[in-house]
Amino acid sequence: SGLWLISDFKGQFQGQPFQGHGMTGYDLDKGRYTGVWADSMSTTVMLTQGTCDGTGRVRTMTSEGPGMDGKMTTWKMVDEAKGADSHVFTMSTPGPDGKDQVMMKITYTRRK
């Protein structure tokens, strides 16, 4: 129906096989984007929400969940359109200095 973006990823993460599945859409009631993400490295489903910039090319989502050390943290996911057929997804969490520490970067390309 075109209401939801479905994302599937397979690859390597820290030398291990990794796969993840996501679903993102716009919630008219909340006036925000909402999403869900599940992958092979976590037993926790990540629920996200966020906004899009004024150009419509950059969507920023946030979520609360366990960090790499198991402690709760804020995750930030930025999805930037690079053209009609690709986008770059960057996932970060605050580092010790409070600045974004990139944990993952994925370049997606549309299947033809």
Protein backbone atom coordinates (compact mmCIF):
# COMPACT_ATOMS: atom_id res chain seq x y z
CA SER A 1 0.00 0.00 0.00
CA GLY A 2 3.06 2.29 0.11
CA LEU A 3 2.56 3.32 3.73
CA TRP A 4 5.60 1.50 5.16
CA LEU A 5 9.25 1.29 4.17
CA ILE A 6 10.52 -2.26 4.68
CA SER A 7 14.30 -2.63 5.17
CA ASP A 8 16.27 -5.86 5.02
CA PHE A 9 20.00 -6.06 5.61
CA LYS A 10 22.46 -8.95 5.45
CA GLY A 11 26.19 -8.60 5.90
CA GLN A 12 28.99 -8.64 8.45
CA PHE A 13 29.21 -6.69 11.71
CA GLN A 14 32.39 -6.89 13.78
CA GLY A 15 33.43 -9.96 11.80
CA GLN A 16 30.18 -11.84 12.48
CA PRO A 17 27.22 -12.60 10.19
CA PHE A 18 24.50 -10.02 10.73
CA GLN A 19 20.98 -9.56 9.47
CA GLY A 20 18.32 -7.04 10.38
CA HIS A 21 14.77 -6.14 9.43
CA GLY A 22 13.02 -2.82 9.85
CA MET A 23 9.71 -1.15 9.15
CA THR A 24 9.24 2.63 9.15
CA GLY A 25 6.20 4.79 8.46
CA TYR A 26 4.58 8.09 9.30
CA ASP A 27 2.12 8.15 12.20
CA LEU A 28 -0.50 10.81 11.38
CA ASP A 29 -1.84 10.79 14.96
CA LYS A 30 1.59 11.51 16.48
CA GLY A 31 2.83 13.71 13.62
CA ARG A 32 6.11 11.78 13.65
CA TYR A 33 7.84 8.92 11.90
CA THR A 34 7.72 5.65 13.82
CA GLY A 35 9.59 2.43 13.29
CA VAL A 36 10.63 -0.94 14.55
CA TRP A 37 13.94 -2.78 14.06
CA ALA A 38 14.97 -6.33 14.95
CA ASP A 39 18.29 -8.00 14.19
CA SER A 40 20.41 -11.06 14.84
CA MET A 41 22.58 -9.42 17.51
CA SER A 42 19.89 -8.35 19.97
CA THR A 43 16.99 -9.93 21.82
CA THR A 44 15.40 -6.48 22.16
CA VAL A 45 13.16 -4.96 19.47
CA MET A 46 14.05 -1.30 18.93
CA LEU A 47 11.09 1.10 18.72
CA THR A 48 11.97 4.43 17.11
CA GLN A 49 10.39 7.80 16.47
CA GLY A 50 11.58 10.98 14.83
CA THR A 51 11.28 13.68 12.21
CA CYS A 52 12.44 14.60 8.72
CA ASP A 53 14.35 17.76 7.85
CA GLY A 54 12.84 20.48 5.67
CA THR A 55 14.33 19.02 2.47
CA GLY A 56 12.72 15.62 2.96
CA ARG A 57 16.09 13.95 2.40
CA VAL A 58 17.29 13.41 6.00
CA ARG A 59 15.23 11.55 8.61
CA THR A 60 16.48 11.44 12.22
CA MET A 61 15.05 8.83 14.60
CA THR A 62 15.84 8.14 18.26
CA SER A 63 15.33 5.20 20.59
CA GLU A 64 16.19 4.21 24.14
CA GLY A 65 17.77 0.80 24.60
CA PRO A 66 20.75 -1.21 25.76
CA GLY A 67 24.13 -0.01 24.54
CA MET A 68 27.10 -2.15 23.57
CA ASP A 69 27.99 -2.37 27.28
CA GLY A 70 24.44 -3.47 28.24
CA LYS A 71 23.60 -0.16 29.94
CA MET A 72 20.65 1.91 28.74
CA THR A 73 21.52 4.65 26.25
CA THR A 74 19.96 6.88 23.61
CA TRP A 75 20.43 5.68 20.06
CA LYS A 76 20.29 8.09 17.12
CA MET A 77 19.64 6.85 13.60
CA VAL A 78 20.09 9.21 10.64
CA ASP A 79 18.89 8.10 7.21
CA GLU A 80 20.03 10.35 4.37
CA ALA A 81 18.81 9.99 0.78
CA LYS A 82 21.74 10.15 -1.64
CA GLY A 83 19.63 9.96 -4.80
CA ALA A 84 16.68 8.06 -6.18
CA ASP A 85 18.28 4.65 -5.64
CA SER A 86 20.40 4.85 -2.49
CA HIS A 87 20.53 6.12 1.05
CA VAL A 88 23.03 6.04 3.90
CA PHE A 89 21.99 4.96 7.38
CA THR A 90 24.19 5.94 10.34
CA MET A 91 23.56 4.73 13.90
CA SER A 92 25.27 6.41 16.84
CA THR A 93 25.15 6.76 20.60
CA PRO A 94 26.75 9.37 22.87
CA GLY A 95 30.44 8.72 23.47
CA PRO A 96 32.31 9.47 26.71
CA ASP A 97 32.76 13.09 25.56
CA GLY A 98 29.02 13.44 24.80
CA LYS A 99 29.59 13.61 21.04
CA ASP A 100 28.00 11.12 18.65
CA GLN A 101 29.99 7.90 18.42
CA VAL A 102 29.14 6.09 15.15
CA MET A 103 28.42 2.42 15.81
CA MET A 104 27.20 1.40 12.36
CA LYS A 105 27.01 2.84 8.85
CA ILE A 106 25.12 1.11 6.03
CA THR A 107 24.72 2.19 2.41
CA TYR A 108 21.47 0.85 0.94
CA THR A 109 20.89 0.45 -2.80
CA ARG A 110 17.50 -0.20 -4.42
CA ARG A 111 17.18 -3.64 -6.06
CA LYS A 112 16.31 -3.44 -9.73
